[in-house]
Amino acid sequence: MRILERRVYVGPNQYAPFPVIRLHVDLGELEKWPTGRIRGFADRLLGELPTRETHRCSYDEPGGFVRRLREDEGTWLGHVLEHVALEMQVLTGAKVAFGKTRSTGDHGQY
């Protein structure tokens, strides 16, 4: 995985009316590996960041992110990076609870 670009917007911006950190990443070969294909990934990730277990994610209920990690083939690592970035900010005291992961249209880039 490579971070191709990072930007910090300190005030209202084109993405949101609040400060935003934007990463442009290239997953490379990791694009082929949703979390359900990586044995033990969800358990190891949650062992390191147990507070993610209560994150609501797209199901709008506590545990939604864990559900995304485990259901079907799991979720994509770009989405996992979003949640790790959110959690790192929360652990430093930032009041952040929202993120989005979007494809750029180029294979493996978000």
PDB file of N, CA and C in Angstrom:
ATOM      1  N   MET A   1       0.853  -1.175   0.000  1.00  0.00           N
ATOM      2  CA  MET A   1       0.000   0.000   0.000  1.00  0.00           C
ATOM      3  C   MET A   1       0.894   1.231   0.000  1.00  0.00           C
ATOM      4  N   ARG A   2       0.515   2.200  -0.825  1.00  0.00           N
ATOM      5  CA  ARG A   2       1.262   3.451  -0.862  1.00  0.00           C
ATOM      6  C   ARG A   2       0.306   4.620  -0.695  1.00  0.00           C
ATOM      7  N   ILE A   3       0.698   5.575   0.118  1.00  0.00           N
ATOM      8  CA  ILE A   3      -0.051   6.826   0.207  1.00  0.00           C
ATOM      9  C   ILE A   3       0.507   7.729  -0.876  1.00  0.00           C
ATOM     10  N   LEU A   4      -0.323   8.043  -1.862  1.00  0.00           N
ATOM     11  CA  LEU A   4       0.109   8.842  -3.004  1.00  0.00           C
ATOM     12  C   LEU A   4       0.023  10.338  -2.717  1.00  0.00           C
ATOM     13  N   GLU A   5      -0.948  10.700  -1.886  1.00  0.00           N
ATOM     14  CA  GLU A   5      -1.137  12.115  -1.566  1.00  0.00           C
ATOM     15  C   GLU A   5      -1.893  12.221  -0.253  1.00  0.00           C
ATOM     16  N   ARG A   6      -1.569  13.232   0.522  1.00  0.00           N
ATOM     17  CA  ARG A   6      -2.333  13.514   1.737  1.00  0.00           C
ATOM     18  C   ARG A   6      -2.530  15.022   1.830  1.00  0.00           C
ATOM     19  N   ARG A   7      -3.705  15.388   2.256  1.00  0.00           N
ATOM     20  CA  ARG A   7      -4.025  16.809   2.409  1.00  0.00           C
ATOM     21  C   ARG A   7      -4.827  16.987   3.690  1.00  0.00           C
ATOM     22  N   VAL A   8      -4.612  18.119   4.316  1.00  0.00           N
ATOM     23  CA  VAL A   8      -5.365  18.479   5.515  1.00  0.00           C
ATOM     24  C   VAL A   8      -6.085  19.787   5.218  1.00  0.00           C
ATOM     25  N   TYR A   9      -7.380  19.770   5.361  1.00  0.00           N
ATOM     26  CA  TYR A   9      -8.210  20.954   5.171  1.00  0.00           C
ATOM     27  C   TYR A   9      -8.663  21.392   6.557  1.00  0.00           C
ATOM     28  N   VAL A  10      -8.279  22.584   6.982  1.00  0.00           N
ATOM     29  CA  VAL A  10      -8.502  22.999   8.371  1.00  0.00           C
ATOM     30  C   VAL A  10      -9.864  23.650   8.618  1.00  0.00           C
ATOM     31  N   GLY A  11     -10.556  23.995   7.590  1.00  0.00           N
ATOM     32  CA  GLY A  11     -11.870  24.628   7.751  1.00  0.00           C
ATOM     33  C   GLY A  11     -12.836  24.070   6.722  1.00  0.00           C
ATOM     34  N   PRO A  12     -13.963  24.732   6.533  1.00  0.00           N
ATOM     35  CA  PRO A  12     -14.895  24.282   5.498  1.00  0.00           C
ATOM     36  C   PRO A  12     -14.166  24.126   4.161  1.00  0.00           C
ATOM     37  N   ASN A  13     -14.516  23.111   3.415  1.00  0.00           N
ATOM     38  CA  ASN A  13     -13.791  22.782   2.194  1.00  0.00           C
ATOM     39  C   ASN A  13     -14.718  22.118   1.192  1.00  0.00           C
ATOM     40  N   GLN A  14     -14.178  21.670   0.085  1.00  0.00           N
ATOM     41  CA  GLN A  14     -15.000  21.063  -0.962  1.00  0.00           C
ATOM     42  C   GLN A  14     -15.613  19.723  -0.561  1.00  0.00           C
ATOM     43  N   TYR A  15     -15.121  19.114   0.522  1.00  0.00           N
ATOM     44  CA  TYR A  15     -15.612  17.811   0.937  1.00  0.00           C
ATOM     45  C   TYR A  15     -16.621  17.871   2.081  1.00  0.00           C
ATOM     46  N   ALA A  16     -16.475  18.868   2.944  1.00  0.00           N
ATOM     47  CA  ALA A  16     -17.336  18.947   4.129  1.00  0.00           C
ATOM     48  C   ALA A  16     -17.252  20.347   4.733  1.00  0.00           C
ATOM     49  N   PRO A  17     -18.249  20.718   5.537  1.00  0.00           N
ATOM     50  CA  PRO A  17     -18.206  22.032   6.186  1.00  0.00           C
ATOM     51  C   PRO A  17     -17.340  22.041   7.450  1.00  0.00           C
ATOM     52  N   PHE A  18     -16.537  21.001   7.650  1.00  0.00           N
ATOM     53  CA  PHE A  18     -15.676  20.876   8.818  1.00  0.00           C
ATOM     54  C   PHE A  18     -14.298  20.394   8.361  1.00  0.00           C
ATOM     55  N   PRO A  19     -13.285  20.432   9.231  1.00  0.00           N
ATOM     56  CA  PRO A  19     -11.938  20.000   8.842  1.00  0.00           C
ATOM     57  C   PRO A  19     -11.915  18.551   8.335  1.00  0.00           C
ATOM     58  N   VAL A  20     -11.036  18.288   7.382  1.00  0.00           N
ATOM     59  CA  VAL A  20     -10.960  16.973   6.731  1.00  0.00           C
ATOM     60  C   VAL A  20      -9.491  16.599   6.512  1.00  0.00           C
ATOM     61  N   ILE A  21      -9.186  15.322   6.703  1.00  0.00           N
ATOM     62  CA  ILE A  21      -7.914  14.755   6.261  1.00  0.00           C
ATOM     63  C   ILE A  21      -8.254  13.873   5.064  1.00  0.00           C
ATOM     64  N   ARG A  22      -7.570  14.108   3.951  1.00  0.00           N
ATOM     65  CA  ARG A  22      -7.843  13.349   2.727  1.00  0.00           C
ATOM     66  C   ARG A  22      -6.580  12.600   2.320  1.00  0.00           C
ATOM     67  N   LEU A  23      -6.718  11.292   2.133  1.00  0.00           N
ATOM     68  CA  LEU A  23      -5.616  10.461   1.660  1.00  0.00           C
ATOM     69  C   LEU A  23      -5.969   9.883   0.301  1.00  0.00           C
ATOM     70  N   HIS A  24      -5.011   9.867  -0.597  1.00  0.00           N
ATOM     71  CA  HIS A  24      -5.141   9.172  -1.877  1.00  0.00           C
ATOM     72  C   HIS A  24      -4.177   7.991  -1.768  1.00  0.00           C
ATOM     73  N   VAL A  25      -4.722   6.778  -1.767  1.00  0.00           N
ATOM     74  CA  VAL A  25      -3.893   5.591  -1.558  1.00  0.00           C
ATOM     75  C   VAL A  25      -3.999   4.638  -2.740  1.00  0.00           C
ATOM     76  N   ASP A  26      -2.935   3.886  -2.928  1.00  0.00           N
ATOM     77  CA  ASP A  26      -2.896   2.816  -3.925  1.00  0.00           C
ATOM     78  C   ASP A  26      -2.665   1.520  -3.161  1.00  0.00           C
ATOM     79  N   LEU A  27      -3.636   0.637  -3.191  1.00  0.00           N
ATOM     80  CA  LEU A  27      -3.525  -0.619  -2.449  1.00  0.00           C
ATOM     81  C   LEU A  27      -2.620  -1.633  -3.127  1.00  0.00           C
ATOM     82  N   GLY A  28      -2.323  -1.441  -4.391  1.00  0.00           N
ATOM     83  CA  GLY A  28      -1.484  -2.404  -5.099  1.00  0.00           C
ATOM     84  C   GLY A  28      -2.100  -3.795  -5.045  1.00  0.00           C
ATOM     85  N   GLU A  29      -1.293  -4.789  -4.732  1.00  0.00           N
ATOM     86  CA  GLU A  29      -1.758  -6.180  -4.671  1.00  0.00           C
ATOM     87  C   GLU A  29      -2.811  -6.416  -3.590  1.00  0.00           C
ATOM     88  N   LEU A  30      -2.842  -5.538  -2.589  1.00  0.00           N
ATOM     89  CA  LEU A  30      -3.820  -5.704  -1.509  1.00  0.00           C
ATOM     90  C   LEU A  30      -5.252  -5.520  -1.990  1.00  0.00           C
ATOM     91  N   GLU A  31      -5.433  -4.920  -3.168  1.00  0.00           N
ATOM     92  CA  GLU A  31      -6.763  -4.754  -3.729  1.00  0.00           C
ATOM     93  C   GLU A  31      -7.457  -6.098  -3.931  1.00  0.00           C
ATOM     94  N   LYS A  32      -6.692  -7.157  -4.067  1.00  0.00           N
ATOM     95  CA  LYS A  32      -7.241  -8.499  -4.293  1.00  0.00           C
ATOM     96  C   LYS A  32      -7.649  -9.196  -2.994  1.00  0.00           C
ATOM     97  N   TRP A  33      -7.446  -8.532  -1.847  1.00  0.00           N
ATOM     98  CA  TRP A  33      -7.605  -9.214  -0.571  1.00  0.00           C
ATOM     99  C   TRP A  33      -8.613  -8.518   0.347  1.00  0.00           C
ATOM    100  N   PRO A  34      -9.907  -8.793   0.177  1.00  0.00           N
ATOM    101  CA  PRO A  34     -10.861  -8.289   1.175  1.00  0.00           C
ATOM    102  C   PRO A  34     -10.598  -8.989   2.510  1.00  0.00           C
ATOM    103  N   THR A  35     -11.097  -8.402   3.576  1.00  0.00           N
ATOM    104  CA  THR A  35     -10.774  -8.895   4.922  1.00  0.00           C
ATOM    105  C   THR A  35     -11.180 -10.344   5.156  1.00  0.00           C
ATOM    106  N   GLY A  36     -12.233 -10.797   4.507  1.00  0.00           N
ATOM    107  CA  GLY A  36     -12.677 -12.180   4.696  1.00  0.00           C
ATOM    108  C   GLY A  36     -11.724 -13.210   4.115  1.00  0.00           C
ATOM    109  N   ARG A  37     -10.828 -12.780   3.249  1.00  0.00           N
ATOM    110  CA  ARG A  37      -9.853 -13.694   2.645  1.00  0.00           C
ATOM    111  C   ARG A  37      -8.541 -13.743   3.419  1.00  0.00           C
ATOM    112  N   ILE A  38      -8.402 -12.903   4.448  1.00  0.00           N
ATOM    113  CA  ILE A  38      -7.169 -12.863   5.228  1.00  0.00           C
ATOM    114  C   ILE A  38      -7.460 -13.514   6.581  1.00  0.00           C
ATOM    115  N   ARG A  39      -7.011 -14.719   6.748  1.00  0.00           N
ATOM    116  CA  ARG A  39      -7.307 -15.494   7.952  1.00  0.00           C
ATOM    117  C   ARG A  39      -6.920 -14.736   9.218  1.00  0.00           C
ATOM    118  N   GLY A  40      -7.891 -14.561  10.122  1.00  0.00           N
ATOM    119  CA  GLY A  40      -7.651 -13.940  11.416  1.00  0.00           C
ATOM    120  C   GLY A  40      -7.532 -12.424  11.389  1.00  0.00           C
ATOM    121  N   PHE A  41      -7.724 -11.801  10.230  1.00  0.00           N
ATOM    122  CA  PHE A  41      -7.521 -10.355  10.121  1.00  0.00           C
ATOM    123  C   PHE A  41      -8.409  -9.570  11.079  1.00  0.00           C
ATOM    124  N   ALA A  42      -9.699  -9.859  11.058  1.00  0.00           N
ATOM    125  CA  ALA A  42     -10.638  -9.095  11.898  1.00  0.00           C
ATOM    126  C   ALA A  42     -10.267  -9.210  13.374  1.00  0.00           C
ATOM    127  N   ASP A  43      -9.959 -10.410  13.829  1.00  0.00           N
ATOM    128  CA  ASP A  43      -9.603 -10.601  15.239  1.00  0.00           C
ATOM    129  C   ASP A  43      -8.328  -9.844  15.602  1.00  0.00           C
ATOM    130  N   ARG A  44      -7.331  -9.879  14.722  1.00  0.00           N
ATOM    131  CA  ARG A  44      -6.073  -9.170  15.002  1.00  0.00           C
ATOM    132  C   ARG A  44      -6.280  -7.658  14.998  1.00  0.00           C
ATOM    133  N   LEU A  45      -7.043  -7.156  14.026  1.00  0.00           N
ATOM    134  CA  LEU A  45      -7.301  -5.716  13.969  1.00  0.00           C
ATOM    135  C   LEU A  45      -8.040  -5.253  15.222  1.00  0.00           C
ATOM    136  N   LEU A  46      -9.069  -5.981  15.606  1.00  0.00           N
ATOM    137  CA  LEU A  46      -9.847  -5.596  16.779  1.00  0.00           C
ATOM    138  C   LEU A  46      -9.063  -5.799  18.073  1.00  0.00           C
ATOM    139  N   GLY A  47      -8.097  -6.699  18.069  1.00  0.00           N
ATOM    140  CA  GLY A  47      -7.211  -6.851  19.220  1.00  0.00           C
ATOM    141  C   GLY A  47      -6.338  -5.621  19.420  1.00  0.00           C
ATOM    142  N   GLU A  48      -5.936  -5.003  18.321  1.00  0.00           N
ATOM    143  CA  GLU A  48      -5.107  -3.800  18.389  1.00  0.00           C
ATOM    144  C   GLU A  48      -5.932  -2.536  18.611  1.00  0.00           C
ATOM    145  N   LEU A  49      -7.137  -2.507  18.068  1.00  0.00           N
ATOM    146  CA  LEU A  49      -8.016  -1.331  18.174  1.00  0.00           C
ATOM    147  C   LEU A  49      -9.404  -1.767  18.657  1.00  0.00           C
ATOM    148  N   PRO A  50      -9.511  -2.223  19.906  1.00  0.00           N
ATOM    149  CA  PRO A  50     -10.787  -2.775  20.378  1.00  0.00           C
ATOM    150  C   PRO A  50     -11.933  -1.772  20.375  1.00  0.00           C
ATOM    151  N   THR A  51     -11.650  -0.492  20.410  1.00  0.00           N
ATOM    152  CA  THR A  51     -12.725   0.502  20.408  1.00  0.00           C
ATOM    153  C   THR A  51     -13.457   0.539  19.070  1.00  0.00           C
ATOM    154  N   ARG A  52     -12.911  -0.049  18.032  1.00  0.00           N
ATOM    155  CA  ARG A  52     -13.594  -0.123  16.730  1.00  0.00           C
ATOM    156  C   ARG A  52     -14.790  -1.067  16.787  1.00  0.00           C
ATOM    157  N   GLU A  53     -14.835  -1.922  17.783  1.00  0.00           N
ATOM    158  CA  GLU A  53     -15.937  -2.886  17.868  1.00  0.00           C
ATOM    159  C   GLU A  53     -17.296  -2.221  17.985  1.00  0.00           C
ATOM    160  N   THR A  54     -17.348  -1.017  18.522  1.00  0.00           N
ATOM    161  CA  THR A  54     -18.638  -0.346  18.692  1.00  0.00           C
ATOM    162  C   THR A  54     -18.973   0.606  17.546  1.00  0.00           C
ATOM    163  N   HIS A  55     -18.043   0.774  16.597  1.00  0.00           N
ATOM    164  CA  HIS A  55     -18.295   1.720  15.507  1.00  0.00           C
ATOM    165  C   HIS A  55     -19.491   1.276  14.660  1.00  0.00           C
ATOM    166  N   ARG A  56     -20.332   2.217  14.321  1.00  0.00           N
ATOM    167  CA  ARG A  56     -21.597   1.933  13.651  1.00  0.00           C
ATOM    168  C   ARG A  56     -21.452   1.592  12.175  1.00  0.00           C
ATOM    169  N   CYS A  57     -20.595   2.270  11.473  1.00  0.00           N
ATOM    170  CA  CYS A  57     -20.359   2.056  10.045  1.00  0.00           C
ATOM    171  C   CYS A  57     -21.665   2.148   9.253  1.00  0.00           C
ATOM    172  N   SER A  58     -21.748   1.459   8.143  1.00  0.00           N
ATOM    173  CA  SER A  58     -22.863   1.630   7.214  1.00  0.00           C
ATOM    174  C   SER A  58     -24.172   0.999   7.679  1.00  0.00           C
ATOM    175  N   TYR A  59     -24.134   0.164   8.701  1.00  0.00           N
ATOM    176  CA  TYR A  59     -25.371  -0.449   9.194  1.00  0.00           C
ATOM    177  C   TYR A  59     -26.084   0.431  10.214  1.00  0.00           C
ATOM    178  N   ASP A  60     -25.438   1.523  10.616  1.00  0.00           N
ATOM    179  CA  ASP A  60     -25.991   2.471  11.588  1.00  0.00           C
ATOM    180  C   ASP A  60     -26.433   1.797  12.880  1.00  0.00           C
ATOM    181  N   GLU A  61     -25.594   0.866  13.344  1.00  0.00           N
ATOM    182  CA  GLU A  61     -25.820   0.218  14.638  1.00  0.00           C
ATOM    183  C   GLU A  61     -24.462  -0.146  15.216  1.00  0.00           C
ATOM    184  N   PRO A  62     -24.340  -0.142  16.543  1.00  0.00           N
ATOM    185  CA  PRO A  62     -23.064  -0.531  17.144  1.00  0.00           C
ATOM    186  C   PRO A  62     -22.624  -1.897  16.615  1.00  0.00           C
ATOM    187  N   GLY A  63     -21.364  -2.024  16.286  1.00  0.00           N
ATOM    188  CA  GLY A  63     -20.854  -3.278  15.739  1.00  0.00           C
ATOM    189  C   GLY A  63     -20.953  -3.364  14.219  1.00  0.00           C
ATOM    190  N   GLY A  64     -21.410  -2.305  13.579  1.00  0.00           N
ATOM    191  CA  GLY A  64     -21.560  -2.312  12.125  1.00  0.00           C
ATOM    192  C   GLY A  64     -20.249  -2.548  11.391  1.00  0.00           C
ATOM    193  N   PHE A  65     -19.159  -1.946  11.887  1.00  0.00           N
ATOM    194  CA  PHE A  65     -17.869  -2.145  11.236  1.00  0.00           C
ATOM    195  C   PHE A  65     -17.403  -3.586  11.375  1.00  0.00           C
ATOM    196  N   VAL A  66     -17.577  -4.178  12.551  1.00  0.00           N
ATOM    197  CA  VAL A  66     -17.200  -5.585  12.753  1.00  0.00           C
ATOM    198  C   VAL A  66     -18.005  -6.466  11.802  1.00  0.00           C
ATOM    199  N   ARG A  67     -19.263  -6.157  11.661  1.00  0.00           N
ATOM    200  CA  ARG A  67     -20.114  -6.909  10.735  1.00  0.00           C
ATOM    201  C   ARG A  67     -19.558  -6.818   9.314  1.00  0.00           C
ATOM    202  N   ARG A  68     -19.148  -5.623   8.890  1.00  0.00           N
ATOM    203  CA  ARG A  68     -18.571  -5.449   7.550  1.00  0.00           C
ATOM    204  C   ARG A  68     -17.273  -6.246   7.409  1.00  0.00           C
ATOM    205  N   LEU A  69     -16.462  -6.282   8.471  1.00  0.00           N
ATOM    206  CA  LEU A  69     -15.207  -7.037   8.420  1.00  0.00           C
ATOM    207  C   LEU A  69     -15.437  -8.524   8.192  1.00  0.00           C
ATOM    208  N   ARG A  70     -16.507  -9.050   8.776  1.00  0.00           N
ATOM    209  CA  ARG A  70     -16.702 -10.495   8.824  1.00  0.00           C
ATOM    210  C   ARG A  70     -17.703 -11.059   7.830  1.00  0.00           C
ATOM    211  N   GLU A  71     -18.696 -10.290   7.439  1.00  0.00           N
ATOM    212  CA  GLU A  71     -19.752 -10.830   6.577  1.00  0.00           C
ATOM    213  C   GLU A  71     -19.260 -11.097   5.159  1.00  0.00           C
ATOM    214  N   ASP A  72     -19.814 -12.130   4.563  1.00  0.00           N
ATOM    215  CA  ASP A  72     -19.507 -12.493   3.181  1.00  0.00           C
ATOM    216  C   ASP A  72     -17.985 -12.554   2.988  1.00  0.00           C
ATOM    217  N   GLU A  73     -17.459 -11.800   2.026  1.00  0.00           N
ATOM    218  CA  GLU A  73     -16.009 -11.791   1.811  1.00  0.00           C
ATOM    219  C   GLU A  73     -15.303 -10.747   2.655  1.00  0.00           C
ATOM    220  N   GLY A  74     -16.049 -10.009   3.449  1.00  0.00           N
ATOM    221  CA  GLY A  74     -15.471  -8.956   4.273  1.00  0.00           C
ATOM    222  C   GLY A  74     -15.565  -7.620   3.568  1.00  0.00           C
ATOM    223  N   THR A  75     -14.719  -6.695   3.976  1.00  0.00           N
ATOM    224  CA  THR A  75     -14.676  -5.375   3.371  1.00  0.00           C
ATOM    225  C   THR A  75     -13.285  -5.151   2.799  1.00  0.00           C
ATOM    226  N   TRP A  76     -13.158  -4.120   1.997  1.00  0.00           N
ATOM    227  CA  TRP A  76     -11.886  -3.846   1.319  1.00  0.00           C
ATOM    228  C   TRP A  76     -10.929  -3.087   2.226  1.00  0.00           C
ATOM    229  N   LEU A  77      -9.653  -3.257   1.998  1.00  0.00           N
ATOM    230  CA  LEU A  77      -8.649  -2.667   2.874  1.00  0.00           C
ATOM    231  C   LEU A  77      -8.613  -1.147   2.812  1.00  0.00           C
ATOM    232  N   GLY A  78      -9.081  -0.546   1.743  1.00  0.00           N
ATOM    233  CA  GLY A  78      -9.226   0.910   1.712  1.00  0.00           C
ATOM    234  C   GLY A  78     -10.217   1.373   2.768  1.00  0.00           C
ATOM    235  N   HIS A  79     -11.293   0.600   2.933  1.00  0.00           N
ATOM    236  CA  HIS A  79     -12.297   0.893   3.956  1.00  0.00           C
ATOM    237  C   HIS A  79     -11.708   0.693   5.348  1.00  0.00           C
ATOM    238  N   VAL A  80     -10.899  -0.337   5.520  1.00  0.00           N
ATOM    239  CA  VAL A  80     -10.248  -0.577   6.808  1.00  0.00           C
ATOM    240  C   VAL A  80      -9.318   0.599   7.140  1.00  0.00           C
ATOM    241  N   LEU A  81      -8.567   1.075   6.157  1.00  0.00           N
ATOM    242  CA  LEU A  81      -7.676   2.219   6.376  1.00  0.00           C
ATOM    243  C   LEU A  81      -8.466   3.427   6.864  1.00  0.00           C
ATOM    244  N   GLU A  82      -9.632   3.659   6.287  1.00  0.00           N
ATOM    245  CA  GLU A  82     -10.496   4.762   6.748  1.00  0.00           C
ATOM    246  C   GLU A  82     -10.779   4.639   8.236  1.00  0.00           C
ATOM    247  N   HIS A  83     -11.158   3.450   8.670  1.00  0.00           N
ATOM    248  CA  HIS A  83     -11.508   3.241  10.080  1.00  0.00           C
ATOM    249  C   HIS A  83     -10.295   3.338  11.003  1.00  0.00           C
ATOM    250  N   VAL A  84      -9.157   2.864  10.548  1.00  0.00           N
ATOM    251  CA  VAL A  84      -7.938   2.989  11.354  1.00  0.00           C
ATOM    252  C   VAL A  84      -7.571   4.469  11.495  1.00  0.00           C
ATOM    253  N   ALA A  85      -7.672   5.233  10.406  1.00  0.00           N
ATOM    254  CA  ALA A  85      -7.370   6.667  10.470  1.00  0.00           C
ATOM    255  C   ALA A  85      -8.334   7.382  11.422  1.00  0.00           C
ATOM    256  N   LEU A  86      -9.606   7.041  11.363  1.00  0.00           N
ATOM    257  CA  LEU A  86     -10.584   7.628  12.289  1.00  0.00           C
ATOM    258  C   LEU A  86     -10.225   7.297  13.730  1.00  0.00           C
ATOM    259  N   GLU A  87      -9.893   6.046  13.970  1.00  0.00           N
ATOM    260  CA  GLU A  87      -9.596   5.623  15.340  1.00  0.00           C
ATOM    261  C   GLU A  87      -8.345   6.285  15.884  1.00  0.00           C
ATOM    262  N   MET A  88      -7.312   6.438  15.063  1.00  0.00           N
ATOM    263  CA  MET A  88      -6.095   7.121  15.510  1.00  0.00           C
ATOM    264  C   MET A  88      -6.420   8.549  15.948  1.00  0.00           C
ATOM    265  N   GLN A  89      -7.301   9.213  15.213  1.00  0.00           N
ATOM    266  CA  GLN A  89      -7.697  10.570  15.579  1.00  0.00           C
ATOM    267  C   GLN A  89      -8.490  10.576  16.884  1.00  0.00           C
ATOM    268  N   VAL A  90      -9.421   9.648  17.029  1.00  0.00           N
ATOM    269  CA  VAL A  90     -10.230   9.561  18.249  1.00  0.00           C
ATOM    270  C   VAL A  90      -9.333   9.315  19.461  1.00  0.00           C
ATOM    271  N   LEU A  91      -8.368   8.430  19.317  1.00  0.00           N
ATOM    272  CA  LEU A  91      -7.485   8.103  20.434  1.00  0.00           C
ATOM    273  C   LEU A  91      -6.605   9.277  20.852  1.00  0.00           C
ATOM    274  N   THR A  92      -6.432  10.261  19.966  1.00  0.00           N
ATOM    275  CA  THR A  92      -5.671  11.458  20.320  1.00  0.00           C
ATOM    276  C   THR A  92      -6.566  12.569  20.846  1.00  0.00           C
ATOM    277  N   GLY A  93      -7.865  12.291  20.960  1.00  0.00           N
ATOM    278  CA  GLY A  93      -8.785  13.266  21.521  1.00  0.00           C
ATOM    279  C   GLY A  93      -9.606  14.043  20.513  1.00  0.00           C
ATOM    280  N   ALA A  94      -9.419  13.788  19.232  1.00  0.00           N
ATOM    281  CA  ALA A  94     -10.202  14.492  18.214  1.00  0.00           C
ATOM    282  C   ALA A  94     -11.654  14.019  18.256  1.00  0.00           C
ATOM    283  N   LYS A  95     -12.549  14.922  17.981  1.00  0.00           N
ATOM    284  CA  LYS A  95     -13.984  14.613  17.941  1.00  0.00           C
ATOM    285  C   LYS A  95     -14.356  14.298  16.495  1.00  0.00           C
ATOM    286  N   VAL A  96     -14.010  13.112  16.055  1.00  0.00           N
ATOM    287  CA  VAL A  96     -14.280  12.710  14.669  1.00  0.00           C
ATOM    288  C   VAL A  96     -15.019  11.383  14.673  1.00  0.00           C
ATOM    289  N   ALA A  97     -16.015  11.262  13.790  1.00  0.00           N
ATOM    290  CA  ALA A  97     -16.781  10.023  13.739  1.00  0.00           C
ATOM    291  C   ALA A  97     -17.268   9.721  12.330  1.00  0.00           C
ATOM    292  N   PHE A  98     -16.712  10.390  11.337  1.00  0.00           N
ATOM    293  CA  PHE A  98     -17.243  10.276   9.990  1.00  0.00           C
ATOM    294  C   PHE A  98     -16.104  10.112   8.991  1.00  0.00           C
ATOM    295  N   GLY A  99     -16.272   9.204   8.059  1.00  0.00           N
ATOM    296  CA  GLY A  99     -15.296   9.028   6.991  1.00  0.00           C
ATOM    297  C   GLY A  99     -15.975   8.475   5.753  1.00  0.00           C
ATOM    298  N   LYS A 100     -15.306   8.567   4.642  1.00  0.00           N
ATOM    299  CA  LYS A 100     -15.799   7.995   3.381  1.00  0.00           C
ATOM    300  C   LYS A 100     -14.620   7.422   2.621  1.00  0.00           C
ATOM    301  N   THR A 101     -14.850   6.294   1.993  1.00  0.00           N
ATOM    302  CA  THR A 101     -13.858   5.685   1.121  1.00  0.00           C
ATOM    303  C   THR A 101     -14.475   5.600  -0.260  1.00  0.00           C
ATOM    304  N   ARG A 102     -13.812   6.168  -1.238  1.00  0.00           N
ATOM    305  CA  ARG A 102     -14.322   6.190  -2.605  1.00  0.00           C
ATOM    306  C   ARG A 102     -13.214   5.814  -3.573  1.00  0.00           C
ATOM    307  N   SER A 103     -13.554   5.011  -4.567  1.00  0.00           N
ATOM    308  CA  SER A 103     -12.609   4.674  -5.620  1.00  0.00           C
ATOM    309  C   SER A 103     -12.331   5.896  -6.471  1.00  0.00           C
ATOM    310  N   THR A 104     -11.091   6.017  -6.935  1.00  0.00           N
ATOM    311  CA  THR A 104     -10.752   7.102  -7.859  1.00  0.00           C
ATOM    312  C   THR A 104     -11.108   6.738  -9.292  1.00  0.00           C
ATOM    313  N   GLY A 105     -11.408   5.463  -9.512  1.00  0.00           N
ATOM    314  CA  GLY A 105     -11.638   4.971 -10.867  1.00  0.00           C
ATOM    315  C   GLY A 105     -10.442   4.207 -11.404  1.00  0.00           C
ATOM    316  N   ASP A 106      -9.278   4.426 -10.783  1.00  0.00           N
ATOM    317  CA  ASP A 106      -8.084   3.660 -11.145  1.00  0.00           C
ATOM    318  C   ASP A 106      -8.016   2.423 -10.257  1.00  0.00           C
ATOM    319  N   HIS A 107      -7.666   1.291 -10.826  1.00  0.00           N
ATOM    320  CA  HIS A 107      -7.672   0.023 -10.097  1.00  0.00           C
ATOM    321  C   HIS A 107      -6.870   0.111  -8.800  1.00  0.00           C
ATOM    322  N   GLY A 108      -7.525  -0.191  -7.685  1.00  0.00           N
ATOM    323  CA  GLY A 108      -6.854  -0.247  -6.389  1.00  0.00           C
ATOM    324  C   GLY A 108      -6.579   1.086  -5.745  1.00  0.00           C
ATOM    325  N   GLN A 109      -7.084   2.180  -6.343  1.00  0.00           N
ATOM    326  CA  GLN A 109      -6.818   3.489  -5.756  1.00  0.00           C
ATOM    327  C   GLN A 109      -8.090   4.073  -5.164  1.00  0.00           C
ATOM    328  N   TYR A 110      -7.907   4.639  -3.960  1.00  0.00           N
ATOM    329  CA  TYR A 110      -9.022   5.216  -3.204  1.00  0.00           C
ATOM    330  C   TYR A 110      -8.608   6.560  -2.652  1.00  0.00           C
TER     331      TYR A 110
END
